[in-house]
């Protein structure tokens, strides 16, 4: 049990992306398109491993976060502040949307067990579950003693993940159809879902968070092999869980998914009538865990960009995560369907990915920063390929959203 809790940063990154957004988007992908988007998860896993390995390598070698390194590379104040503005804008927009999705996922879980109640404020109806989850996340972040609870929640998410793997097997998928799902298909009606799958796996803020966290565990380039192994194993396992969720979703014989009770149908082969309770606990725990991570990552980014000193309890640091948390609570409690908020959060992250990935790829080729640990030609080929795919998907996503307006 002690080894279970002695987890590396890679596992924490995976726990962050297997949140309510992953569960929701993957199930919806399975419900709408069957197994045909399994290839998109493979692409997402490869992209996540490549980019997170770069972030981890940067953190171990430099002992600094991505935002600190980027800022240090520009002597011209105008360029440096423009860069800081781009990074902060991307992280604030992405994390606010992601935080709303995290909280909405927790609300989705609670609403299945307890009848939700709305608080009328002016012309709006605020779901008090959103406020409740926001308060819990606030308290845990403010006192800073949330490790035990966080670890407990990670165990709950892992239990839910195991349930999906068992469910995927118990649905007895048609293997011939299953294997055809690994053939790329960019049909127009699937593009937003593809962007969502990429966005729910390769989370931009995780690149910043990973680079900052690894320096707490590993202090020397000699530890790079450990960091790389930790990253690959954790992310591949997380990707397999996501695939299992898609396969489980494909077994749902229902066209429209509106709430956790609908999502729980994918668990019924294993848990029967208890399915909704199992999923509710999983969604709630995933929501709380991710609701802590997103504001924390945003605070790390701002701290690095603006050169703040101090601990996690400093006033500036707290002000940043409080702002992101409040935005998340507000966006998640305005009466918009939880499913729609979660999907929007994943699509937003998919659109922000090209910006952050481009910055990371550039940094990883700077010898004055990394010396002998810059990208190899193979890593650059993979990085450039992923960047072009991210740009293509981001462009298509923006065009499709504008086209629907």
Protein backbone atom coordinates (compact mmCIF):
# COMPACT_ATOMS: atom_id res chain seq x y z
CA UNK A 1 0.00 0.00 0.00
CA UNK A 2 2.90 2.31 0.76
CA UNK A 3 4.22 1.78 -2.79
CA UNK A 4 0.79 2.60 -4.22
CA UNK A 5 0.87 6.03 -2.65
CA UNK A 6 4.51 6.62 -3.58
CA UNK A 7 3.42 7.61 -7.07
CA UNK A 8 5.40 9.69 -9.51
CA UNK A 9 4.38 12.87 -11.33
CA UNK A 10 3.35 10.85 -14.39
CA UNK A 11 0.61 9.14 -12.42
CA UNK A 12 -0.59 12.48 -11.07
CA UNK A 13 -0.78 13.85 -14.62
CA UNK A 14 -2.78 10.80 -15.66
CA UNK A 15 -5.09 11.16 -12.67
CA UNK A 16 -5.66 14.76 -13.76
CA UNK A 17 -6.67 13.87 -17.33
CA UNK A 18 -8.84 10.93 -16.28
CA UNK A 19 -11.41 13.30 -14.86
CA UNK A 20 -15.08 13.93 -15.58
CA UNK A 21 -14.19 15.26 -19.02
CA UNK A 22 -12.46 12.04 -20.02
CA UNK A 23 -15.31 9.87 -18.78
CA UNK A 24 -17.95 12.01 -20.47
CA UNK A 25 -16.23 12.65 -23.81
CA UNK A 26 -15.07 9.03 -24.18
CA UNK A 27 -18.52 7.64 -23.42
CA UNK A 28 -20.13 10.10 -25.83
CA UNK A 29 -17.60 9.09 -28.48
CA UNK A 30 -18.58 5.47 -27.98
CA UNK A 31 -22.31 6.21 -27.94
CA UNK A 32 -22.23 8.32 -31.11
CA UNK A 33 -19.57 6.57 -33.18
CA UNK A 34 -19.03 3.12 -31.67
CA UNK A 35 -15.43 1.94 -31.92
CA UNK A 36 -14.54 4.17 -34.88
CA UNK A 37 -12.62 6.74 -32.81
CA UNK A 38 -10.30 4.34 -30.98
CA UNK A 39 -7.58 5.48 -33.39
CA UNK A 40 -8.01 9.03 -32.07
CA UNK A 41 -7.23 7.78 -28.57
CA UNK A 42 -4.07 6.08 -29.85
CA UNK A 43 -3.03 9.38 -31.42
CA UNK A 44 -3.86 11.20 -28.18
CA UNK A 45 -1.79 8.76 -26.12
CA UNK A 46 1.23 9.12 -28.42
CA UNK A 47 0.92 12.91 -28.39
CA UNK A 48 0.58 12.96 -24.61
CA UNK A 49 3.62 10.71 -24.05
CA UNK A 50 5.81 12.72 -26.46
CA UNK A 51 4.87 16.14 -25.05
CA UNK A 52 4.80 15.16 -21.37
CA UNK A 53 8.20 13.47 -21.72
CA UNK A 54 9.56 16.76 -23.06
CA UNK A 55 8.01 18.67 -20.17
CA UNK A 56 9.41 16.20 -17.63
CA UNK A 57 12.89 16.30 -19.23
CA UNK A 58 12.84 20.11 -19.17
CA UNK A 59 11.87 20.15 -15.49
CA UNK A 60 14.47 17.58 -14.40
CA UNK A 61 17.38 19.14 -16.34
CA UNK A 62 16.67 22.81 -15.61
CA UNK A 63 14.91 22.40 -12.25
CA UNK A 64 12.48 25.08 -13.47
CA UNK A 65 8.96 25.10 -14.81
CA UNK A 66 8.06 25.71 -18.47
CA UNK A 67 6.90 29.28 -17.90
CA UNK A 68 10.14 30.26 -16.09
CA UNK A 69 12.25 28.82 -18.90
CA UNK A 70 10.24 30.49 -21.67
CA UNK A 71 10.36 33.88 -19.98
CA UNK A 72 14.12 33.70 -19.47
CA UNK A 73 14.82 33.32 -23.20
CA UNK A 74 13.83 36.82 -24.26
CA UNK A 75 15.83 39.90 -23.30
CA UNK A 76 13.53 42.28 -25.18
CA UNK A 77 10.89 43.41 -22.70
CA UNK A 78 8.22 43.90 -25.37
CA UNK A 79 8.66 40.37 -26.72
CA UNK A 80 8.91 38.90 -23.22
CA UNK A 81 5.69 40.54 -22.02
CA UNK A 82 3.88 39.61 -25.24
CA UNK A 83 4.92 36.00 -24.65
CA UNK A 84 3.78 36.18 -21.04
CA UNK A 85 0.45 37.62 -22.19
CA UNK A 86 -0.06 34.76 -24.68
CA UNK A 87 0.79 32.09 -22.07
CA UNK A 88 -1.36 33.63 -19.35
CA UNK A 89 -4.30 34.11 -21.73
CA UNK A 90 -4.10 30.52 -22.94
CA UNK A 91 -3.84 29.09 -19.44
CA UNK A 92 -6.56 31.29 -17.95
CA UNK A 93 -9.04 30.57 -20.75
CA UNK A 94 -8.25 26.86 -20.83
CA UNK A 95 -8.17 26.34 -17.07
CA UNK A 96 -11.37 28.32 -16.48
CA UNK A 97 -13.17 26.15 -19.04
CA UNK A 98 -11.52 23.01 -17.71
CA UNK A 99 -12.36 23.92 -14.13
CA UNK A 100 -16.01 24.43 -15.09
CA UNK A 101 -15.91 20.96 -16.65
CA UNK A 102 -14.33 19.47 -13.51
CA UNK A 103 -16.93 20.99 -11.22
CA UNK A 104 -19.74 20.10 -13.63
CA UNK A 105 -18.52 16.51 -13.61
CA UNK A 106 -18.68 16.43 -9.83
CA UNK A 107 -22.17 17.96 -9.99
CA UNK A 108 -23.15 15.31 -12.54
CA UNK A 109 -22.12 12.63 -10.07
CA UNK A 110 -23.89 14.14 -7.06
CA UNK A 111 -27.07 14.85 -9.02
CA UNK A 112 -27.59 11.14 -9.66
CA UNK A 113 -27.62 10.30 -5.96
CA UNK A 114 -29.13 13.49 -4.52
CA UNK A 115 -31.84 15.61 -6.10
CA UNK A 116 -30.18 18.87 -7.19
CA UNK A 117 -31.59 22.17 -5.95
CA UNK A 118 -31.27 25.53 -7.60
CA UNK A 119 -30.71 28.86 -5.90
CA UNK A 120 -32.46 31.74 -7.74
CA UNK A 121 -30.21 34.80 -8.04
CA UNK A 122 -31.65 37.56 -10.18
CA UNK A 123 -32.69 35.96 -13.44
CA UNK A 124 -30.33 33.00 -12.96
CA UNK A 125 -30.70 29.67 -11.22
CA UNK A 126 -27.47 28.56 -9.55
CA UNK A 127 -26.95 24.87 -8.77
CA UNK A 128 -25.81 24.73 -5.18
CA UNK A 129 -23.81 21.56 -5.87
CA UNK A 130 -21.41 23.73 -7.91
CA UNK A 131 -20.93 26.00 -4.92
CA UNK A 132 -20.49 23.02 -2.60
CA UNK A 133 -17.76 21.48 -4.75
CA UNK A 134 -16.11 24.89 -5.14
CA UNK A 135 -16.07 25.34 -1.35
CA UNK A 136 -14.53 21.89 -0.82
CA UNK A 137 -11.82 22.60 -3.40
CA UNK A 138 -11.25 26.06 -1.86
CA UNK A 139 -10.76 24.68 1.64
CA UNK A 140 -8.38 21.95 0.47
CA UNK A 141 -6.29 24.39 -1.56
CA UNK A 142 -6.29 27.08 1.11
CA UNK A 143 -5.09 24.95 4.02
CA UNK A 144 -2.68 23.02 1.79
CA UNK A 145 -3.24 19.75 3.70
CA UNK A 146 -5.13 17.92 1.00
CA UNK A 147 -2.69 15.08 0.15
CA UNK A 148 -4.46 12.37 2.13
CA UNK A 149 -7.84 13.24 0.64
CA UNK A 150 -6.37 13.62 -2.82
CA UNK A 151 -4.81 10.17 -2.61
CA UNK A 152 -8.11 8.72 -1.44
CA UNK A 153 -9.86 10.31 -4.40
CA UNK A 154 -7.23 8.95 -6.78
CA UNK A 155 -7.96 5.47 -5.45
CA UNK A 156 -11.67 6.03 -6.16
CA UNK A 157 -10.87 7.11 -9.71
CA UNK A 158 -8.70 4.02 -10.16
CA UNK A 159 -11.53 1.85 -8.88
CA UNK A 160 -13.85 3.45 -11.43
CA UNK A 161 -11.22 2.92 -14.12
CA UNK A 162 -10.96 -0.76 -13.24
CA UNK A 163 -14.75 -0.95 -13.50
CA UNK A 164 -14.62 0.41 -17.04
CA UNK A 165 -11.94 -2.08 -18.09
CA UNK A 166 -14.02 -4.94 -16.69
CA UNK A 167 -17.11 -3.46 -18.34
CA UNK A 168 -15.34 -3.18 -21.70
CA UNK A 169 -14.45 -6.87 -21.53
CA UNK A 170 -17.91 -7.91 -20.31
CA UNK A 171 -19.63 -6.17 -23.24
CA UNK A 172 -17.96 -8.77 -25.47
CA UNK A 173 -17.15 -6.35 -28.29
CA UNK A 174 -17.06 -7.60 -31.86
CA UNK A 175 -13.30 -7.91 -32.45
CA UNK A 176 -13.57 -7.35 -36.20
CA UNK A 177 -15.38 -4.04 -35.61
CA UNK A 178 -13.04 -3.21 -32.75
CA UNK A 179 -9.94 -3.47 -34.93
CA UNK A 180 -11.49 -1.31 -37.66
CA UNK A 181 -11.73 1.42 -35.03
CA UNK A 182 -7.96 1.89 -35.27
CA UNK A 183 -8.22 3.09 -38.89
CA UNK A 184 -8.08 6.94 -39.02
CA UNK A 185 -11.34 8.59 -40.05
CA UNK A 186 -11.64 12.38 -40.26
CA UNK A 187 -15.34 12.50 -41.20
CA UNK A 188 -16.70 16.01 -40.63
CA UNK A 189 -19.32 14.90 -38.09
CA UNK A 190 -16.56 13.34 -35.96
CA UNK A 191 -14.04 16.18 -35.93
CA UNK A 192 -15.27 17.99 -32.81
CA UNK A 193 -15.33 14.69 -30.92
CA UNK A 194 -11.78 13.95 -32.12
CA UNK A 195 -10.68 17.37 -30.85
CA UNK A 196 -12.43 16.60 -27.57
CA UNK A 197 -10.58 13.27 -27.21
CA UNK A 198 -7.23 14.96 -27.87
CA UNK A 199 -8.13 17.81 -25.51
CA UNK A 200 -9.14 15.47 -22.71
CA UNK A 201 -5.86 13.53 -22.92
CA UNK A 202 -3.23 16.14 -23.84
CA UNK A 203 -4.18 18.86 -21.37
CA UNK A 204 -2.09 22.02 -21.94
CA UNK A 205 -1.87 22.94 -18.27
CA UNK A 206 -0.45 19.48 -17.49
CA UNK A 207 2.64 20.37 -19.53
CA UNK A 208 3.32 23.28 -17.17
CA UNK A 209 2.38 21.31 -14.07
CA UNK A 210 4.53 18.29 -15.01
CA UNK A 211 7.64 20.40 -15.59
CA UNK A 212 7.18 21.99 -12.15
CA UNK A 213 6.37 18.79 -10.24
CA UNK A 214 9.27 16.63 -11.47
CA UNK A 215 11.83 18.96 -9.90
CA UNK A 216 10.34 18.10 -6.51
CA UNK A 217 11.03 14.38 -7.01
CA UNK A 218 14.14 14.25 -9.24
CA UNK A 219 17.12 16.58 -8.90
CA UNK A 220 19.59 15.36 -11.52
CA UNK A 221 19.66 14.49 -15.25
CA UNK A 222 20.80 11.06 -14.07
CA UNK A 223 17.18 10.51 -13.05
CA UNK A 224 15.82 11.10 -16.57
CA UNK A 225 15.33 7.39 -17.24
CA UNK A 226 13.14 7.13 -14.12
CA UNK A 227 11.14 10.21 -15.12
CA UNK A 228 10.68 8.87 -18.67
CA UNK A 229 9.59 5.42 -17.44
CA UNK A 230 7.16 6.99 -14.97
CA UNK A 231 5.65 9.16 -17.71
CA UNK A 232 5.26 6.44 -20.34
CA UNK A 233 3.78 3.78 -18.04
CA UNK A 234 1.31 6.13 -16.36
CA UNK A 235 0.04 7.75 -19.57
CA UNK A 236 -0.25 4.50 -21.55
CA UNK A 237 -2.25 2.94 -18.73
CA UNK A 238 -4.46 6.03 -18.62
CA UNK A 239 -4.97 5.79 -22.37
CA UNK A 240 -6.00 2.14 -22.10
CA UNK A 241 -8.60 3.14 -19.52
CA UNK A 242 -9.90 5.83 -21.91
CA UNK A 243 -10.21 3.21 -24.65
CA UNK A 244 -12.10 0.96 -22.28
CA UNK A 245 -14.52 3.81 -21.59
CA UNK A 246 -15.10 4.30 -25.34
CA UNK A 247 -15.77 0.56 -25.75
CA UNK A 248 -18.14 0.68 -22.78
CA UNK A 249 -19.93 3.68 -24.29
CA UNK A 250 -20.37 1.82 -27.57
CA UNK A 251 -22.53 -0.71 -25.70
CA UNK A 252 -25.08 1.94 -24.66
CA UNK A 253 -28.22 1.60 -26.74
CA UNK A 254 -29.32 5.20 -26.34
CA UNK A 255 -28.97 8.10 -28.74
CA UNK A 256 -28.90 10.98 -26.24
CA UNK A 257 -26.95 11.24 -23.01
CA UNK A 258 -28.10 13.97 -20.61
CA UNK A 259 -27.08 12.91 -17.11
CA UNK A 260 -25.05 10.50 -15.02
CA UNK A 261 -27.87 7.97 -15.03
CA UNK A 262 -27.53 7.75 -18.82
CA UNK A 263 -23.76 7.50 -18.58
CA UNK A 264 -24.11 4.76 -15.97
CA UNK A 265 -25.74 2.46 -18.50
CA UNK A 266 -22.24 1.60 -19.65
CA UNK A 267 -21.54 0.15 -16.19
CA UNK A 268 -24.69 -1.92 -15.91
CA UNK A 269 -23.15 -5.13 -17.32
CA UNK A 270 -20.94 -5.26 -14.20
CA UNK A 271 -22.84 -3.42 -11.47
CA UNK A 272 -26.47 -3.68 -12.53
CA UNK A 273 -28.71 -1.28 -10.63
CA UNK A 274 -25.71 -0.09 -8.60
CA UNK A 275 -24.11 1.32 -11.76
CA UNK A 276 -25.28 4.88 -11.21
CA UNK A 277 -23.86 4.94 -7.69
CA UNK A 278 -20.47 3.60 -8.80
CA UNK A 279 -20.23 6.17 -11.60
CA UNK A 280 -21.48 8.93 -9.30
CA UNK A 281 -18.71 8.27 -6.79
CA UNK A 282 -16.16 8.10 -9.58
CA UNK A 283 -17.32 11.31 -11.27
CA UNK A 284 -17.48 13.16 -7.97
CA UNK A 285 -14.00 12.03 -6.90
CA UNK A 286 -12.57 12.77 -10.35
CA UNK A 287 -14.21 16.20 -10.29
CA UNK A 288 -12.78 17.12 -6.89
CA UNK A 289 -9.27 15.89 -7.76
CA UNK A 290 -9.22 17.78 -11.05
CA UNK A 291 -10.85 20.84 -9.48
CA UNK A 292 -7.78 21.07 -7.25
CA UNK A 293 -5.25 20.48 -10.04
CA UNK A 294 -6.43 23.05 -12.60
CA UNK A 295 -6.29 26.14 -10.31
CA UNK A 296 -3.01 24.91 -8.84
CA UNK A 297 -1.44 24.61 -12.29
CA UNK A 298 -2.65 28.08 -13.25
CA UNK A 299 -1.07 29.50 -10.10
CA UNK A 300 2.24 27.78 -10.89
CA UNK A 301 2.20 29.25 -14.40
CA UNK A 302 1.52 32.80 -13.20
CA UNK A 303 4.12 32.45 -10.45
CA UNK A 304 6.72 31.42 -13.03
CA UNK A 305 5.76 34.06 -15.61
CA UNK A 306 5.78 36.96 -13.16
CA UNK A 307 8.76 35.73 -11.14
CA UNK A 308 6.92 35.56 -7.84
CA UNK A 309 8.72 34.11 -4.84
CA UNK A 310 7.16 32.44 -1.87
CA UNK A 311 5.28 29.26 -1.04
CA UNK A 312 1.92 27.81 -2.01
CA UNK A 313 0.42 29.84 0.82
CA UNK A 314 1.59 33.22 -0.49
CA UNK A 315 -1.14 35.81 -1.15
CA UNK A 316 -0.40 36.13 -4.88
CA UNK A 317 -0.39 32.37 -5.40
CA UNK A 318 -3.69 31.99 -3.57
CA UNK A 319 -5.25 34.89 -5.49
CA UNK A 320 -4.64 33.13 -8.82
CA UNK A 321 -6.14 29.77 -7.93
CA UNK A 322 -9.06 31.49 -6.20
CA UNK A 323 -9.82 33.41 -9.40
CA UNK A 324 -9.77 30.25 -11.55
CA UNK A 325 -11.86 28.38 -9.00
CA UNK A 326 -14.48 31.14 -8.85
CA UNK A 327 -14.69 31.27 -12.65
CA UNK A 328 -15.18 27.51 -12.71
CA UNK A 329 -17.98 27.66 -10.16
CA UNK A 330 -19.74 30.50 -12.00
CA UNK A 331 -19.50 28.88 -15.45
CA UNK A 332 -20.64 25.51 -14.13
CA UNK A 333 -23.68 26.90 -12.28
CA UNK A 334 -25.37 29.06 -14.92
CA UNK A 335 -27.94 26.48 -15.92
CA UNK A 336 -26.01 25.14 -18.90
CA UNK A 337 -26.14 21.36 -19.31
CA UNK A 338 -23.17 19.74 -17.54
CA UNK A 339 -22.48 17.55 -20.56
CA UNK A 340 -22.17 20.63 -22.80
CA UNK A 341 -19.77 22.40 -20.42
CA UNK A 342 -17.53 19.34 -20.18
CA UNK A 343 -17.46 18.94 -23.95
CA UNK A 344 -16.67 22.65 -24.41
CA UNK A 345 -13.83 22.41 -21.89
CA UNK A 346 -12.22 19.55 -23.82
CA UNK A 347 -12.65 21.31 -27.19
CA UNK A 348 -11.14 24.51 -25.74
CA UNK A 349 -8.11 22.59 -24.51
CA UNK A 350 -7.74 20.99 -27.93
CA UNK A 351 -7.64 24.45 -29.52
CA UNK A 352 -5.09 25.79 -27.01
CA UNK A 353 -2.78 22.81 -27.45
CA UNK A 354 -0.98 24.10 -30.62
CA UNK A 355 0.12 27.28 -28.80
CA UNK A 356 1.60 25.49 -25.79
CA UNK A 357 3.03 22.59 -27.83
CA UNK A 358 4.74 25.05 -30.18
CA UNK A 359 6.41 26.86 -27.29
CA UNK A 360 7.52 23.56 -25.72
CA UNK A 361 8.96 22.19 -28.97
CA UNK A 362 10.96 25.39 -29.50
CA UNK A 363 12.39 25.31 -25.96
CA UNK A 364 13.37 21.65 -26.24
CA UNK A 365 15.77 22.54 -29.08
CA UNK A 366 17.65 25.25 -27.17
CA UNK A 367 21.12 23.90 -26.31
CA UNK A 368 21.84 26.82 -24.00
CA UNK A 369 18.98 25.56 -21.83
CA UNK A 370 19.25 21.78 -22.09
CA UNK A 371 22.77 21.18 -23.34
CA UNK A 372 23.13 17.53 -24.34
CA UNK A 373 19.51 16.84 -23.41
CA UNK A 374 17.84 18.69 -26.30
CA UNK A 375 15.46 16.80 -28.58
CA UNK A 376 16.85 14.14 -30.87
CA UNK A 377 15.85 14.22 -34.55
CA UNK A 378 13.31 11.45 -33.87
CA UNK A 379 11.77 13.42 -31.01
CA UNK A 380 11.59 16.49 -33.23
CA UNK A 381 9.87 14.55 -36.00
CA UNK A 382 7.26 13.29 -33.55
CA UNK A 383 6.93 16.74 -32.01
CA UNK A 384 6.47 18.49 -35.36
CA UNK A 385 3.96 15.86 -36.49
CA UNK A 386 1.93 16.31 -33.29
CA UNK A 387 2.13 20.10 -33.63
CA UNK A 388 0.77 19.99 -37.20
CA UNK A 389 -2.03 17.61 -36.17
CA UNK A 390 -2.89 19.92 -33.24
CA UNK A 391 -2.93 22.98 -35.53
CA UNK A 392 -5.11 21.17 -38.08
CA UNK A 393 -7.61 19.97 -35.47
CA UNK A 394 -7.65 23.37 -33.75
CA UNK A 395 -8.34 25.17 -37.05
CA UNK A 396 -11.11 22.74 -37.99
CA UNK A 397 -12.63 23.02 -34.51
CA UNK A 398 -12.72 26.83 -34.58
CA UNK A 399 -14.20 26.81 -38.12
CA UNK A 400 -16.93 24.35 -37.16
CA UNK A 401 -17.85 26.30 -34.02
CA UNK A 402 -18.05 29.58 -36.00
CA UNK A 403 -20.05 27.84 -38.74
CA UNK A 404 -22.68 26.80 -36.18
CA UNK A 405 -23.13 30.35 -34.85
